Amino acid sequence: MKIKFFSIALLGFLPLAAPAQTADEIVKKVLDARGGADKIKTVLSQRVTGHVSFAPGMEGTFVVELKRPQKMHTEISVESQKIIRIYDGKGSGWVVNPFAENKDVQPMSAEDLKSISDEADFDGPLVDYKAKGNQIELAGKEDLDGKPAYRLKLTSHNGEIRFYLFDASSFLLLKWEGTRKIEGKDYPWESFFTDFREVQGLKYPFKIDQDSPGTDIKQTLTAEKIEINPQIDESRFAKPTSPAPPAAAAPQEQARPRSSD
């Protein structure tokens, strides 16, 4: 299963009636719009369950469990098969992919481990971004689907560059741009965030549309339930056992000829 940046330097021509927004000011407004950095940090664990659809026409369900510090357990069920990705928060991760040639538990690739700590960070990259070794720049203001949006450029601690576009009015996340590695090849990737709802004082997008521009790779994640601080057993973040092979069909007993009465 297979599951450009454009800027115009016109700021010098703008009137100076109001001071320009700085990256740090926008980051603060973004975090406040979600519920505040302090509130975000009170979340010790999180579970998201929902529905996923892949182009063309494949559908399934997903469960993502997160727990401090940076532990993650993800399951995607498609066609009665279950893909599992686990990270223990200590530098080790595992994958079970029944659609791959090797269906046993496999260690996460070096490429996966390079970015998995960010993926498992449910605070998000903007909370305490300097302490995490991230750099943030204000890359401009533009129109996105009729909405003015601020574009922030984030360079992560491992050198990965991503762009985030935030609604200039609500300061909620509208779009993410970056790259994803699929079968060893880098693809441009974008995610669009909609249907924000409040869950225990924090706002979350309940729908994420993702695609790789120039390809037919598309998927949509629709959350059905987001749980804050659920009890999650530590065993969920340990190395999983390999799935049992499908049971062989029992041989059918041959019919015996009946003796005549």
C-alpha atoms as a PDB file:
ATOM      1  CA  MET A   1       0.000   0.000   0.000  1.00  0.00           C
ATOM      2  CA  LYS A   2       1.356   3.388  -0.876  1.00  0.00           C
ATOM      3  CA  ILE A   3       0.091   4.574   1.998  1.00  0.00           C
ATOM      4  CA  LYS A   4       7.209  26.253  -3.675  1.00  0.00           C
ATOM      5  CA  PHE A   5       7.887  28.406  -1.727  1.00  0.00           C
ATOM      6  CA  PHE A   6       7.291  31.866  -3.378  1.00  0.00           C
ATOM      7  CA  SER A   7       8.115  35.186  -1.787  1.00  0.00           C
ATOM      8  CA  ILE A   8       8.174  38.798  -2.915  1.00  0.00           C
ATOM      9  CA  ALA A   9      10.339  41.300  -1.068  1.00  0.00           C
ATOM     10  CA  LEU A  10       7.845  44.133  -0.833  1.00  0.00           C
ATOM     11  CA  LEU A  11       8.012  44.833   2.888  1.00  0.00           C
ATOM     12  CA  GLY A  12      10.177  47.891   2.259  1.00  0.00           C
ATOM     13  CA  PHE A  13       7.305  49.511   0.342  1.00  0.00           C
ATOM     14  CA  LEU A  14       4.673  48.973   3.026  1.00  0.00           C
ATOM     15  CA  PRO A  15       3.534  51.889   5.172  1.00  0.00           C
ATOM     16  CA  LEU A  16       4.973  51.980   8.678  1.00  0.00           C
ATOM     17  CA  ALA A  17       1.683  52.746  10.394  1.00  0.00           C
ATOM     18  CA  ALA A  18       1.931  49.562  12.463  1.00  0.00           C
ATOM     19  CA  PRO A  19       4.906  47.465  13.577  1.00  0.00           C
ATOM     20  CA  ALA A  20       5.470  44.246  11.627  1.00  0.00           C
ATOM     21  CA  GLN A  21       4.694  40.947  13.301  1.00  0.00           C
ATOM     22  CA  THR A  22       7.752  38.986  14.399  1.00  0.00           C
ATOM     23  CA  ALA A  23       8.086  35.222  14.266  1.00  0.00           C
ATOM     24  CA  ASP A  24       7.999  34.981  18.062  1.00  0.00           C
ATOM     25  CA  GLU A  25       4.850  37.110  18.253  1.00  0.00           C
ATOM     26  CA  ILE A  26       3.112  34.863  15.744  1.00  0.00           C
ATOM     27  CA  VAL A  27       4.251  31.722  17.564  1.00  0.00           C
ATOM     28  CA  LYS A  28       2.744  33.050  20.798  1.00  0.00           C
ATOM     29  CA  LYS A  29      -0.560  33.890  19.092  1.00  0.00           C
ATOM     30  CA  VAL A  30      -0.623  30.449  17.460  1.00  0.00           C
ATOM     31  CA  LEU A  31      -0.121  28.689  20.789  1.00  0.00           C
ATOM     32  CA  ASP A  32      -2.689  30.955  22.484  1.00  0.00           C
ATOM     33  CA  ALA A  33      -5.197  30.136  19.734  1.00  0.00           C
ATOM     34  CA  ARG A  34      -4.821  26.439  20.528  1.00  0.00           C
ATOM     35  CA  GLY A  35      -5.381  27.039  24.233  1.00  0.00           C
ATOM     36  CA  GLY A  36      -2.025  28.264  25.494  1.00  0.00           C
ATOM     37  CA  ALA A  37       1.407  26.696  25.930  1.00  0.00           C
ATOM     38  CA  ASP A  38       0.787  25.981  29.619  1.00  0.00           C
ATOM     39  CA  LYS A  39      -2.450  24.152  28.842  1.00  0.00           C
ATOM     40  CA  ILE A  40      -0.765  22.154  26.065  1.00  0.00           C
ATOM     41  CA  LYS A  41       1.908  20.994  28.504  1.00  0.00           C
ATOM     42  CA  THR A  42      -0.697  19.571  30.890  1.00  0.00           C
ATOM     43  CA  VAL A  43      -1.481  16.857  28.330  1.00  0.00           C
ATOM     44  CA  LEU A  44       0.443  13.775  29.452  1.00  0.00           C
ATOM     45  CA  SER A  45      -1.125  11.308  27.041  1.00  0.00           C
ATOM     46  CA  GLN A  46      -3.423  11.411  24.055  1.00  0.00           C
ATOM     47  CA  ARG A  47      -5.431   8.974  21.933  1.00  0.00           C
ATOM     48  CA  VAL A  48      -6.903   9.792  18.519  1.00  0.00           C
ATOM     49  CA  THR A  49      -9.196   7.350  16.741  1.00  0.00           C
ATOM     50  CA  GLY A  50     -10.751   7.839  13.365  1.00  0.00           C
ATOM     51  CA  HIS A  51     -11.136   6.974   9.718  1.00  0.00           C
ATOM     52  CA  VAL A  52      -8.556   7.116   6.924  1.00  0.00           C
ATOM     53  CA  SER A  53      -9.128   7.057   3.179  1.00  0.00           C
ATOM     54  CA  PHE A  54      -6.480   6.578   0.505  1.00  0.00           C
ATOM     55  CA  ALA A  55      -6.712   7.275  -3.208  1.00  0.00           C
ATOM     56  CA  PRO A  56      -8.102   5.551  -5.164  1.00  0.00           C
ATOM     57  CA  GLY A  57     -10.920   4.295  -2.973  1.00  0.00           C
ATOM     58  CA  MET A  58      -9.129   2.370  -0.218  1.00  0.00           C
ATOM     59  CA  GLU A  59     -10.391   3.017   3.316  1.00  0.00           C
ATOM     60  CA  GLY A  60      -9.607   1.985   6.853  1.00  0.00           C
ATOM     61  CA  THR A  61      -9.396   3.059  10.476  1.00  0.00           C
ATOM     62  CA  PHE A  62      -6.577   4.383  12.631  1.00  0.00           C
ATOM     63  CA  VAL A  63      -5.603   4.735  16.273  1.00  0.00           C
ATOM     64  CA  VAL A  64      -2.733   6.951  17.429  1.00  0.00           C
ATOM     65  CA  GLU A  65      -1.625   6.821  21.065  1.00  0.00           C
ATOM     66  CA  LEU A  66       0.945   9.269  22.442  1.00  0.00           C
ATOM     67  CA  LYS A  67       2.500   9.532  25.874  1.00  0.00           C
ATOM     68  CA  ARG A  68       5.268  11.601  27.393  1.00  0.00           C
ATOM     69  CA  PRO A  69       8.131  11.572  26.784  1.00  0.00           C
ATOM     70  CA  GLN A  70       7.679  11.124  23.009  1.00  0.00           C
ATOM     71  CA  LYS A  71       6.208   7.622  23.043  1.00  0.00           C
ATOM     72  CA  MET A  72       3.967   6.636  20.154  1.00  0.00           C
ATOM     73  CA  HIS A  73       1.843   3.678  19.070  1.00  0.00           C
ATOM     74  CA  THR A  74       0.045   3.886  15.717  1.00  0.00           C
ATOM     75  CA  GLU A  75      -2.242   1.305  14.120  1.00  0.00           C
ATOM     76  CA  ILE A  76      -3.848   1.549  10.685  1.00  0.00           C
ATOM     77  CA  SER A  77      -6.324  -1.190   9.780  1.00  0.00           C
ATOM     78  CA  VAL A  78      -6.980  -1.697   6.068  1.00  0.00           C
ATOM     79  CA  GLU A  79      -8.537  -4.715   4.340  1.00  0.00           C
ATOM     80  CA  SER A  80      -8.497  -6.747   7.583  1.00  0.00           C
ATOM     81  CA  GLN A  81      -4.751  -6.110   7.879  1.00  0.00           C
ATOM     82  CA  LYS A  82      -3.071  -3.975  10.533  1.00  0.00           C
ATOM     83  CA  ILE A  83      -0.026  -1.747  10.033  1.00  0.00           C
ATOM     84  CA  ILE A  84       1.725  -0.940  13.326  1.00  0.00           C
ATOM     85  CA  ARG A  85       4.376   1.693  14.102  1.00  0.00           C
ATOM     86  CA  ILE A  86       5.792   1.993  17.622  1.00  0.00           C
ATOM     87  CA  TYR A  87       8.373   4.304  19.153  1.00  0.00           C
ATOM     88  CA  ASP A  88       9.477   3.821  22.765  1.00  0.00           C
ATOM     89  CA  GLY A  89      10.646   7.407  23.312  1.00  0.00           C
ATOM     90  CA  LYS A  90      14.180   6.185  23.987  1.00  0.00           C
ATOM     91  CA  GLY A  91      15.555   5.822  20.463  1.00  0.00           C
ATOM     92  CA  SER A  92      14.062   2.479  19.371  1.00  0.00           C
ATOM     93  CA  GLY A  93      11.113   1.867  17.080  1.00  0.00           C
ATOM     94  CA  TRP A  94       9.438  -0.990  15.243  1.00  0.00           C
ATOM     95  CA  VAL A  95       7.155  -1.505  12.263  1.00  0.00           C
ATOM     96  CA  VAL A  96       4.792  -4.309  11.317  1.00  0.00           C
ATOM     97  CA  ASN A  97       3.565  -4.051   7.734  1.00  0.00           C
ATOM     98  CA  PRO A  98       1.529  -7.002   6.409  1.00  0.00           C
ATOM     99  CA  PHE A  99       1.639  -5.448   2.928  1.00  0.00           C
ATOM    100  CA  ALA A 100       5.461  -5.607   2.817  1.00  0.00           C
ATOM    101  CA  GLU A 101       7.501  -8.552   1.609  1.00  0.00           C
ATOM    102  CA  ASN A 102       8.756  -9.196   5.159  1.00  0.00           C
ATOM    103  CA  LYS A 103       5.734  -9.339   7.422  1.00  0.00           C
ATOM    104  CA  ASP A 104       7.667  -9.855  10.669  1.00  0.00           C
ATOM    105  CA  VAL A 105       8.434  -7.078  13.160  1.00  0.00           C
ATOM    106  CA  GLN A 106      11.099  -4.835  11.645  1.00  0.00           C
ATOM    107  CA  PRO A 107      13.202  -2.138  13.320  1.00  0.00           C
ATOM    108  CA  MET A 108      12.391   1.375  12.164  1.00  0.00           C
ATOM    109  CA  SER A 109      14.677   2.605   9.423  1.00  0.00           C
ATOM    110  CA  ALA A 110      17.321   5.212  10.205  1.00  0.00           C
ATOM    111  CA  GLU A 111      15.283   7.680   8.143  1.00  0.00           C
ATOM    112  CA  ASP A 112      12.180   7.034  10.255  1.00  0.00           C
ATOM    113  CA  LEU A 113      14.104   7.371  13.505  1.00  0.00           C
ATOM    114  CA  LYS A 114      15.539  10.673  12.299  1.00  0.00           C
ATOM    115  CA  SER A 115      12.122  12.303  12.393  1.00  0.00           C
ATOM    116  CA  ILE A 116      10.104  10.080  14.722  1.00  0.00           C
ATOM    117  CA  SER A 117      10.815  12.144  17.833  1.00  0.00           C
ATOM    118  CA  ASP A 118       9.139  15.115  16.145  1.00  0.00           C
ATOM    119  CA  GLU A 119       6.199  12.959  15.088  1.00  0.00           C
ATOM    120  CA  ALA A 120       5.793  11.705  18.666  1.00  0.00           C
ATOM    121  CA  ASP A 121       5.998  15.229  20.125  1.00  0.00           C
ATOM    122  CA  PHE A 122       2.318  16.041  20.607  1.00  0.00           C
ATOM    123  CA  ASP A 123       3.180  19.478  21.985  1.00  0.00           C
ATOM    124  CA  GLY A 124       4.144  20.337  18.413  1.00  0.00           C
ATOM    125  CA  PRO A 125       7.388  21.873  17.160  1.00  0.00           C
ATOM    126  CA  LEU A 126       6.520  25.439  18.227  1.00  0.00           C
ATOM    127  CA  VAL A 127       6.255  24.800  21.982  1.00  0.00           C
ATOM    128  CA  ASP A 128       9.694  25.594  23.483  1.00  0.00           C
ATOM    129  CA  TYR A 129      11.072  25.485  19.949  1.00  0.00           C
ATOM    130  CA  LYS A 130      14.426  27.029  20.887  1.00  0.00           C
ATOM    131  CA  ALA A 131      15.033  24.448  23.606  1.00  0.00           C
ATOM    132  CA  LYS A 132      14.296  21.728  21.042  1.00  0.00           C
ATOM    133  CA  GLY A 133      16.959  23.134  18.724  1.00  0.00           C
ATOM    134  CA  ASN A 134      14.465  24.381  16.134  1.00  0.00           C
ATOM    135  CA  GLN A 135      14.800  27.681  14.288  1.00  0.00           C
ATOM    136  CA  ILE A 136      11.774  29.682  13.152  1.00  0.00           C
ATOM    137  CA  GLU A 137      11.610  32.523  10.631  1.00  0.00           C
ATOM    138  CA  LEU A 138       8.688  34.601   9.399  1.00  0.00           C
ATOM    139  CA  ALA A 139       8.739  33.913   5.661  1.00  0.00           C
ATOM    140  CA  GLY A 140       5.960  36.319   4.705  1.00  0.00           C
ATOM    141  CA  LYS A 141       2.236  36.790   4.474  1.00  0.00           C
ATOM    142  CA  GLU A 142       0.158  35.443   1.600  1.00  0.00           C
ATOM    143  CA  ASP A 143      -3.313  34.409   0.481  1.00  0.00           C
ATOM    144  CA  LEU A 144      -4.382  30.789   0.967  1.00  0.00           C
ATOM    145  CA  ASP A 145      -7.804  29.870  -0.400  1.00  0.00           C
ATOM    146  CA  GLY A 146      -9.037  33.415   0.138  1.00  0.00           C
ATOM    147  CA  LYS A 147      -7.600  33.744   3.641  1.00  0.00           C
ATOM    148  CA  PRO A 148      -4.597  35.907   4.590  1.00  0.00           C
ATOM    149  CA  ALA A 149      -2.004  33.624   6.147  1.00  0.00           C
ATOM    150  CA  TYR A 150       1.371  33.938   7.828  1.00  0.00           C
ATOM    151  CA  ARG A 151       4.049  31.593   6.541  1.00  0.00           C
ATOM    152  CA  LEU A 152       6.590  30.372   9.085  1.00  0.00           C
ATOM    153  CA  LYS A 153       9.735  28.526   8.070  1.00  0.00           C
ATOM    154  CA  LEU A 154      10.929  25.971  10.603  1.00  0.00           C
ATOM    155  CA  THR A 155      14.370  24.398  10.438  1.00  0.00           C
ATOM    156  CA  SER A 156      14.372  21.445  12.834  1.00  0.00           C
ATOM    157  CA  HIS A 157      17.248  20.331  15.011  1.00  0.00           C
ATOM    158  CA  ASN A 158      18.136  17.678  12.420  1.00  0.00           C
ATOM    159  CA  GLY A 159      18.176  20.158   9.527  1.00  0.00           C
ATOM    160  CA  GLU A 160      14.761  19.334   8.054  1.00  0.00           C
ATOM    161  CA  ILE A 161      12.950  22.361   6.626  1.00  0.00           C
ATOM    162  CA  ARG A 162       9.171  22.731   6.811  1.00  0.00           C
ATOM    163  CA  PHE A 163       6.696  25.525   6.262  1.00  0.00           C
ATOM    164  CA  TYR A 164       3.583  26.253   8.322  1.00  0.00           C
ATOM    165  CA  LEU A 165       0.785  28.573   7.201  1.00  0.00           C
ATOM    166  CA  PHE A 166      -1.445  30.053   9.906  1.00  0.00           C
ATOM    167  CA  ASP A 167      -4.699  31.959   9.483  1.00  0.00           C
ATOM    168  CA  ALA A 168      -3.802  35.637  10.018  1.00  0.00           C
ATOM    169  CA  SER A 169      -7.075  36.175  11.879  1.00  0.00           C
ATOM    170  CA  SER A 170      -7.637  33.048  13.997  1.00  0.00           C
ATOM    171  CA  PHE A 171      -3.968  31.944  14.062  1.00  0.00           C
ATOM    172  CA  LEU A 172      -5.060  28.337  13.599  1.00  0.00           C
ATOM    173  CA  LEU A 173      -2.956  26.099  11.387  1.00  0.00           C
ATOM    174  CA  LEU A 174      -4.113  25.971   7.769  1.00  0.00           C
ATOM    175  CA  LYS A 175      -1.337  24.132   5.954  1.00  0.00           C
ATOM    176  CA  TRP A 176       1.930  22.252   6.407  1.00  0.00           C
ATOM    177  CA  GLU A 177       4.509  21.834   3.639  1.00  0.00           C
ATOM    178  CA  GLY A 178       7.549  19.581   3.663  1.00  0.00           C
ATOM    179  CA  THR A 179       8.845  16.267   2.323  1.00  0.00           C
ATOM    180  CA  ARG A 180       8.081  12.638   3.054  1.00  0.00           C
ATOM    181  CA  LYS A 181      10.233   9.628   2.187  1.00  0.00           C
ATOM    182  CA  ILE A 182       8.337   6.819   0.467  1.00  0.00           C
ATOM    183  CA  GLU A 183      10.250   3.666  -0.498  1.00  0.00           C
ATOM    184  CA  GLY A 184      13.527   5.523  -0.155  1.00  0.00           C
ATOM    185  CA  LYS A 185      12.515   8.488  -2.316  1.00  0.00           C
ATOM    186  CA  ASP A 186      11.736  12.013  -1.140  1.00  0.00           C
ATOM    187  CA  TYR A 187       8.347  13.388  -2.189  1.00  0.00           C
ATOM    188  CA  PRO A 188       6.951  16.882  -1.681  1.00  0.00           C
ATOM    189  CA  TRP A 189       4.152  16.701   0.870  1.00  0.00           C
ATOM    190  CA  GLU A 190       1.399  19.013   2.042  1.00  0.00           C
ATOM    191  CA  SER A 191      -1.304  18.758   4.684  1.00  0.00           C
ATOM    192  CA  PHE A 192      -4.435  20.911   5.042  1.00  0.00           C
ATOM    193  CA  PHE A 193      -6.076  21.264   8.470  1.00  0.00           C
ATOM    194  CA  THR A 194      -9.793  21.928   8.936  1.00  0.00           C
ATOM    195  CA  ASP A 195     -12.745  21.280  11.269  1.00  0.00           C
ATOM    196  CA  PHE A 196     -11.106  22.589  14.448  1.00  0.00           C
ATOM    197  CA  ARG A 197     -12.927  21.615  17.626  1.00  0.00           C
ATOM    198  CA  GLU A 198     -12.261  22.225  21.289  1.00  0.00           C
ATOM    199  CA  VAL A 199     -11.380  19.243  23.465  1.00  0.00           C
ATOM    200  CA  GLN A 200     -10.877  19.988  27.163  1.00  0.00           C
ATOM    201  CA  GLY A 201      -9.807  23.551  26.470  1.00  0.00           C
ATOM    202  CA  LEU A 202      -7.525  22.810  23.510  1.00  0.00           C
ATOM    203  CA  LYS A 203      -8.304  23.110  19.801  1.00  0.00           C
ATOM    204  CA  TYR A 204      -7.573  20.246  17.430  1.00  0.00           C
ATOM    205  CA  PRO A 205      -8.187  19.779  13.694  1.00  0.00           C
ATOM    206  CA  PHE A 206     -10.551  16.863  13.174  1.00  0.00           C
ATOM    207  CA  LYS A 207      -9.801  16.599   9.450  1.00  0.00           C
ATOM    208  CA  ILE A 208      -6.417  16.505   7.681  1.00  0.00           C
ATOM    209  CA  ASP A 209      -6.196  16.226   3.885  1.00  0.00           C
ATOM    210  CA  GLN A 210      -2.758  15.171   2.658  1.00  0.00           C
ATOM    211  CA  ASP A 211      -1.207  14.775  -0.768  1.00  0.00           C
ATOM    212  CA  SER A 212       2.042  14.821  -2.700  1.00  0.00           C
ATOM    213  CA  PRO A 213       1.835  17.503  -5.426  1.00  0.00           C
ATOM    214  CA  GLY A 214       2.468  16.095  -8.882  1.00  0.00           C
ATOM    215  CA  THR A 215       1.569  12.538  -7.880  1.00  0.00           C
ATOM    216  CA  ASP A 216      -1.618  10.564  -7.304  1.00  0.00           C
ATOM    217  CA  ILE A 217      -0.755  10.019  -3.620  1.00  0.00           C
ATOM    218  CA  LYS A 218      -3.629  11.324  -1.502  1.00  0.00           C
ATOM    219  CA  GLN A 219      -5.084  10.494   1.889  1.00  0.00           C
ATOM    220  CA  THR A 220      -7.548  11.977   4.341  1.00  0.00           C
ATOM    221  CA  LEU A 221      -7.535  11.502   8.101  1.00  0.00           C
ATOM    222  CA  THR A 222     -10.816  12.176   9.892  1.00  0.00           C
ATOM    223  CA  ALA A 223     -10.742  12.045  13.683  1.00  0.00           C
ATOM    224  CA  GLU A 224     -13.834  10.645  15.326  1.00  0.00           C
ATOM    225  CA  LYS A 225     -12.608  10.934  18.918  1.00  0.00           C
ATOM    226  CA  ILE A 226      -9.710  12.685  20.658  1.00  0.00           C
ATOM    227  CA  GLU A 227      -9.044  11.651  24.256  1.00  0.00           C
ATOM    228  CA  ILE A 228      -6.906  13.762  26.577  1.00  0.00           C
ATOM    229  CA  ASN A 229      -4.889  12.031  29.317  1.00  0.00           C
ATOM    230  CA  PRO A 230      -6.287   8.517  28.799  1.00  0.00           C
ATOM    231  CA  GLN A 231      -4.658   5.637  30.666  1.00  0.00           C
ATOM    232  CA  ILE A 232      -2.230   3.944  28.243  1.00  0.00           C
ATOM    233  CA  ASP A 233      -0.262   0.917  29.400  1.00  0.00           C
ATOM    234  CA  GLU A 234       3.511   1.079  28.927  1.00  0.00           C
ATOM    235  CA  SER A 235       3.386  -2.217  27.035  1.00  0.00           C
ATOM    236  CA  ARG A 236       1.858  -0.330  24.105  1.00  0.00           C
ATOM    237  CA  PHE A 237       5.268   1.238  23.485  1.00  0.00           C
ATOM    238  CA  ALA A 238       7.325  -1.955  23.671  1.00  0.00           C
ATOM    239  CA  LYS A 239       8.500  -4.116  20.780  1.00  0.00           C
ATOM    240  CA  PRO A 240       5.458  -5.943  19.405  1.00  0.00           C
ATOM    241  CA  THR A 241       5.284  -9.640  18.666  1.00  0.00           C
ATOM    242  CA  SER A 242       5.223 -10.805  15.069  1.00  0.00           C
ATOM    243  CA  PRO A 243       1.710 -11.506  13.811  1.00  0.00           C
ATOM    244  CA  ALA A 244       0.766 -15.174  13.710  1.00  0.00           C
ATOM    245  CA  PRO A 245       0.549 -16.626  10.199  1.00  0.00           C
ATOM    246  CA  PRO A 246      -2.991 -17.281   8.978  1.00  0.00           C
ATOM    247  CA  ALA A 247      -4.280 -20.638  10.105  1.00  0.00           C
ATOM    248  CA  ALA A 248      -4.228 -23.286   7.416  1.00  0.00           C
ATOM    249  CA  ALA A 249      -7.618 -24.516   6.327  1.00  0.00           C
ATOM    250  CA  ALA A 250      -8.502 -27.884   7.858  1.00  0.00           C
ATOM    251  CA  PRO A 251      -8.515 -30.678   5.277  1.00  0.00           C
ATOM    252  CA  GLN A 252     -11.973 -31.784   4.371  1.00  0.00           C
ATOM    253  CA  GLU A 253     -12.823 -35.373   5.214  1.00  0.00           C
ATOM    254  CA  GLN A 254     -13.326 -37.437   2.081  1.00  0.00           C
ATOM    255  CA  ALA A 255     -16.789 -38.819   1.666  1.00  0.00           C
ATOM    256  CA  ARG A 256     -16.987 -42.531   2.271  1.00  0.00           C
ATOM    257  CA  PRO A 257     -19.170 -44.717   0.096  1.00  0.00           C
ATOM    258  CA  ARG A 258     -22.208 -45.864   1.997  1.00  0.00           C
ATOM    259  CA  SER A 259     -22.749 -49.589   2.309  1.00  0.00           C
ATOM    260  CA  SER A 260     -26.008 -50.850   0.879  1.00  0.00           C
ATOM    261  CA  ASP A 261     -28.691 -51.782   3.381  1.00  0.00           C
END
